[in-house]
Amino acid sequence: GHDGHDHGDEEQVMAEETIDNPAGCPSGTVISVYHLEAGEYMLEFEAEDMETFRMAIAAMGGAHHHHHHGDEHGD
């Protein structure tokens, strides 16, 4: 790099969690969970013999609501 240190041109993202051979999935399945930003995740699925893929996603209700009641700013 410009300061004599090699910081790398590409930022490497590491999986926050790795799930090997989850129940109900084909053998050899690996699910990697990456935490990108607050509330944003990416899932990566790898399997040897995956012919079809189905996934359902549901938001966690009430996880990040900002409802303030009364004196919000201490005025």
N, C-alpha and C. Protein backbone atom coordinates (compact mmCIF):
# COMPACT_ATOMS: atom_id res chain seq x y z
N GLY A 1 0.81 -1.20 0.00
CA GLY A 1 0.00 0.00 0.00
C GLY A 1 0.85 1.25 0.00
N HIS A 2 0.22 2.41 0.03
CA HIS A 2 0.91 3.68 -0.04
C HIS A 2 1.73 3.98 1.20
N ASP A 3 1.40 3.38 2.35
CA ASP A 3 2.14 3.65 3.57
C ASP A 3 3.10 2.53 3.95
N GLY A 4 3.39 1.64 3.00
CA GLY A 4 4.30 0.55 3.25
C GLY A 4 3.65 -0.68 3.84
N HIS A 5 2.35 -0.61 4.09
CA HIS A 5 1.62 -1.75 4.62
C HIS A 5 0.67 -2.27 3.56
N ASP A 6 0.57 -3.57 3.45
CA ASP A 6 -0.36 -4.17 2.49
C ASP A 6 -1.68 -4.42 3.19
N HIS A 7 -2.64 -3.53 2.98
CA HIS A 7 -3.96 -3.67 3.59
C HIS A 7 -4.87 -4.55 2.74
N GLY A 8 -4.47 -4.86 1.51
CA GLY A 8 -5.31 -5.65 0.62
C GLY A 8 -6.34 -4.78 -0.06
N ASP A 9 -6.58 -5.06 -1.31
CA ASP A 9 -7.55 -4.26 -2.07
C ASP A 9 -8.97 -4.73 -1.83
N GLU A 10 -9.15 -6.00 -1.43
CA GLU A 10 -10.48 -6.53 -1.22
C GLU A 10 -10.67 -6.85 0.24
N GLU A 11 -11.80 -6.39 0.78
CA GLU A 11 -12.10 -6.68 2.18
C GLU A 11 -12.69 -8.07 2.26
N GLN A 12 -12.08 -8.93 3.05
CA GLN A 12 -12.52 -10.31 3.19
C GLN A 12 -13.58 -10.39 4.28
N VAL A 13 -14.74 -10.93 3.96
CA VAL A 13 -15.82 -11.08 4.92
C VAL A 13 -15.80 -12.52 5.42
N MET A 14 -15.75 -12.69 6.73
CA MET A 14 -15.72 -14.02 7.32
C MET A 14 -17.11 -14.38 7.83
N ALA A 15 -17.46 -15.65 7.72
CA ALA A 15 -18.76 -16.12 8.21
C ALA A 15 -18.83 -15.96 9.72
N GLU A 16 -19.96 -15.41 10.20
CA GLU A 16 -20.17 -15.27 11.64
C GLU A 16 -20.53 -16.63 12.24
N GLU A 17 -21.20 -17.46 11.46
CA GLU A 17 -21.60 -18.79 11.92
C GLU A 17 -21.60 -19.73 10.73
N THR A 18 -21.20 -20.98 10.95
CA THR A 18 -21.23 -22.00 9.91
C THR A 18 -21.98 -23.20 10.47
N ILE A 19 -22.99 -23.67 9.72
CA ILE A 19 -23.80 -24.81 10.13
C ILE A 19 -23.51 -25.95 9.17
N ASP A 20 -22.93 -27.04 9.69
CA ASP A 20 -22.59 -28.20 8.88
C ASP A 20 -23.67 -29.26 9.00
N ASN A 21 -24.09 -29.82 7.87
CA ASN A 21 -25.07 -30.91 7.82
C ASN A 21 -26.31 -30.66 8.66
N PRO A 22 -27.06 -29.57 8.39
CA PRO A 22 -28.29 -29.31 9.16
C PRO A 22 -29.34 -30.38 8.89
N ALA A 23 -30.17 -30.66 9.88
CA ALA A 23 -31.23 -31.67 9.77
C ALA A 23 -32.18 -31.32 8.63
N GLY A 24 -32.57 -32.33 7.86
CA GLY A 24 -33.52 -32.13 6.77
C GLY A 24 -32.90 -31.65 5.47
N CYS A 25 -31.58 -31.49 5.44
CA CYS A 25 -30.89 -31.05 4.22
C CYS A 25 -30.05 -32.20 3.67
N PRO A 26 -29.73 -32.16 2.37
CA PRO A 26 -28.87 -33.21 1.80
C PRO A 26 -27.54 -33.30 2.54
N SER A 27 -26.95 -34.50 2.59
CA SER A 27 -25.67 -34.65 3.27
C SER A 27 -24.62 -33.77 2.60
N GLY A 28 -23.71 -33.26 3.38
CA GLY A 28 -22.67 -32.38 2.85
C GLY A 28 -23.10 -30.93 2.73
N THR A 29 -24.31 -30.60 3.22
CA THR A 29 -24.78 -29.22 3.16
C THR A 29 -24.06 -28.37 4.20
N VAL A 30 -23.66 -27.18 3.78
CA VAL A 30 -23.03 -26.21 4.68
C VAL A 30 -23.76 -24.88 4.50
N ILE A 31 -24.18 -24.27 5.60
CA ILE A 31 -24.82 -22.96 5.57
C ILE A 31 -23.89 -21.99 6.29
N SER A 32 -23.49 -20.93 5.61
CA SER A 32 -22.63 -19.91 6.21
C SER A 32 -23.44 -18.63 6.38
N VAL A 33 -23.37 -18.04 7.58
CA VAL A 33 -24.11 -16.83 7.90
C VAL A 33 -23.12 -15.67 8.02
N TYR A 34 -23.34 -14.63 7.22
CA TYR A 34 -22.48 -13.45 7.24
C TYR A 34 -23.28 -12.27 7.77
N HIS A 35 -22.74 -11.52 8.74
CA HIS A 35 -23.39 -10.33 9.28
C HIS A 35 -22.79 -9.13 8.56
N LEU A 36 -23.58 -8.46 7.72
CA LEU A 36 -23.08 -7.35 6.92
C LEU A 36 -23.16 -6.03 7.67
N GLU A 37 -24.36 -5.62 8.02
CA GLU A 37 -24.59 -4.38 8.77
C GLU A 37 -25.67 -4.67 9.79
N ALA A 38 -25.99 -3.70 10.62
CA ALA A 38 -27.04 -3.89 11.62
C ALA A 38 -28.32 -4.35 10.94
N GLY A 39 -28.79 -5.54 11.29
CA GLY A 39 -30.03 -6.07 10.73
C GLY A 39 -29.90 -6.66 9.35
N GLU A 40 -28.70 -6.72 8.77
CA GLU A 40 -28.51 -7.27 7.43
C GLU A 40 -27.59 -8.48 7.48
N TYR A 41 -28.11 -9.59 6.97
CA TYR A 41 -27.34 -10.84 6.95
C TYR A 41 -27.37 -11.43 5.55
N MET A 42 -26.35 -12.19 5.22
CA MET A 42 -26.32 -12.92 3.96
C MET A 42 -26.11 -14.39 4.32
N LEU A 43 -26.88 -15.27 3.67
CA LEU A 43 -26.75 -16.70 3.88
C LEU A 43 -26.19 -17.33 2.62
N GLU A 44 -25.22 -18.21 2.78
CA GLU A 44 -24.63 -18.93 1.65
C GLU A 44 -24.87 -20.42 1.87
N PHE A 45 -25.46 -21.08 0.87
CA PHE A 45 -25.77 -22.49 0.96
C PHE A 45 -24.89 -23.27 -0.01
N GLU A 46 -24.26 -24.33 0.48
CA GLU A 46 -23.46 -25.21 -0.36
C GLU A 46 -23.89 -26.64 -0.10
N ALA A 47 -24.08 -27.42 -1.18
CA ALA A 47 -24.43 -28.84 -1.04
C ALA A 47 -23.93 -29.58 -2.27
N GLU A 48 -23.62 -30.85 -2.08
CA GLU A 48 -23.09 -31.65 -3.17
C GLU A 48 -24.14 -31.96 -4.23
N ASP A 49 -25.30 -32.44 -3.80
CA ASP A 49 -26.34 -32.87 -4.75
C ASP A 49 -27.64 -32.11 -4.55
N MET A 50 -27.60 -30.80 -4.61
CA MET A 50 -28.80 -29.99 -4.43
C MET A 50 -29.49 -29.79 -5.77
N GLU A 51 -30.69 -30.39 -5.91
CA GLU A 51 -31.44 -30.25 -7.16
C GLU A 51 -32.46 -29.12 -7.07
N THR A 52 -33.11 -28.99 -5.92
CA THR A 52 -34.08 -27.92 -5.73
C THR A 52 -33.72 -27.16 -4.46
N PHE A 53 -34.20 -25.94 -4.40
CA PHE A 53 -33.90 -25.11 -3.25
C PHE A 53 -35.14 -24.30 -2.90
N ARG A 54 -35.60 -24.42 -1.65
CA ARG A 54 -36.74 -23.64 -1.18
C ARG A 54 -36.37 -22.98 0.14
N MET A 55 -36.78 -21.72 0.28
CA MET A 55 -36.46 -21.00 1.51
C MET A 55 -37.60 -20.06 1.85
N ALA A 56 -37.88 -19.94 3.15
CA ALA A 56 -38.89 -18.99 3.64
C ALA A 56 -38.20 -18.04 4.61
N ILE A 57 -38.56 -16.77 4.54
CA ILE A 57 -37.97 -15.76 5.42
C ILE A 57 -39.09 -15.03 6.14
N ALA A 58 -38.93 -14.84 7.44
CA ALA A 58 -39.91 -14.11 8.23
C ALA A 58 -39.18 -13.08 9.08
N ALA A 59 -39.70 -11.87 9.09
CA ALA A 59 -39.11 -10.82 9.92
C ALA A 59 -39.43 -11.08 11.39
N MET A 60 -38.51 -10.74 12.25
CA MET A 60 -38.72 -10.90 13.69
C MET A 60 -39.52 -9.69 14.17
N GLY A 61 -40.75 -9.91 14.54
CA GLY A 61 -41.63 -8.83 14.98
C GLY A 61 -41.13 -8.16 16.25
N GLY A 62 -41.12 -6.84 16.25
CA GLY A 62 -40.74 -6.08 17.43
C GLY A 62 -39.26 -6.04 17.72
N ALA A 63 -38.45 -6.52 16.83
CA ALA A 63 -37.02 -6.62 17.10
C ALA A 63 -36.32 -5.26 17.09
N HIS A 64 -36.82 -4.30 16.33
CA HIS A 64 -36.09 -3.04 16.22
C HIS A 64 -37.04 -1.85 16.08
N HIS A 65 -38.10 -1.83 16.89
CA HIS A 65 -39.04 -0.73 16.83
C HIS A 65 -38.61 0.37 17.78
N HIS A 66 -38.79 1.61 17.36
CA HIS A 66 -38.42 2.76 18.19
C HIS A 66 -39.67 3.56 18.52
N HIS A 67 -40.42 3.11 19.49
CA HIS A 67 -41.61 3.84 19.92
C HIS A 67 -41.28 4.52 21.24
N HIS A 68 -41.28 5.84 21.23
CA HIS A 68 -40.96 6.59 22.43
C HIS A 68 -42.24 7.19 22.99
N HIS A 69 -42.39 7.11 24.28
CA HIS A 69 -43.58 7.66 24.94
C HIS A 69 -43.13 8.67 25.98
N GLY A 70 -43.87 9.76 26.08
CA GLY A 70 -43.55 10.75 27.10
C GLY A 70 -42.43 11.67 26.69
N ASP A 71 -41.57 12.00 27.63
CA ASP A 71 -40.49 12.97 27.43
C ASP A 71 -39.31 12.31 26.72
N GLU A 72 -39.20 12.51 25.40
CA GLU A 72 -38.18 11.84 24.60
C GLU A 72 -36.78 12.41 24.79
N HIS A 73 -36.67 13.71 24.95
CA HIS A 73 -35.36 14.34 24.92
C HIS A 73 -34.95 14.95 26.26
N GLY A 74 -35.70 14.67 27.30
CA GLY A 74 -35.35 15.19 28.62
C GLY A 74 -35.55 16.68 28.77
N ASP A 75 -36.44 17.27 27.95
CA ASP A 75 -36.70 18.72 28.00
C ASP A 75 -37.49 19.07 29.25
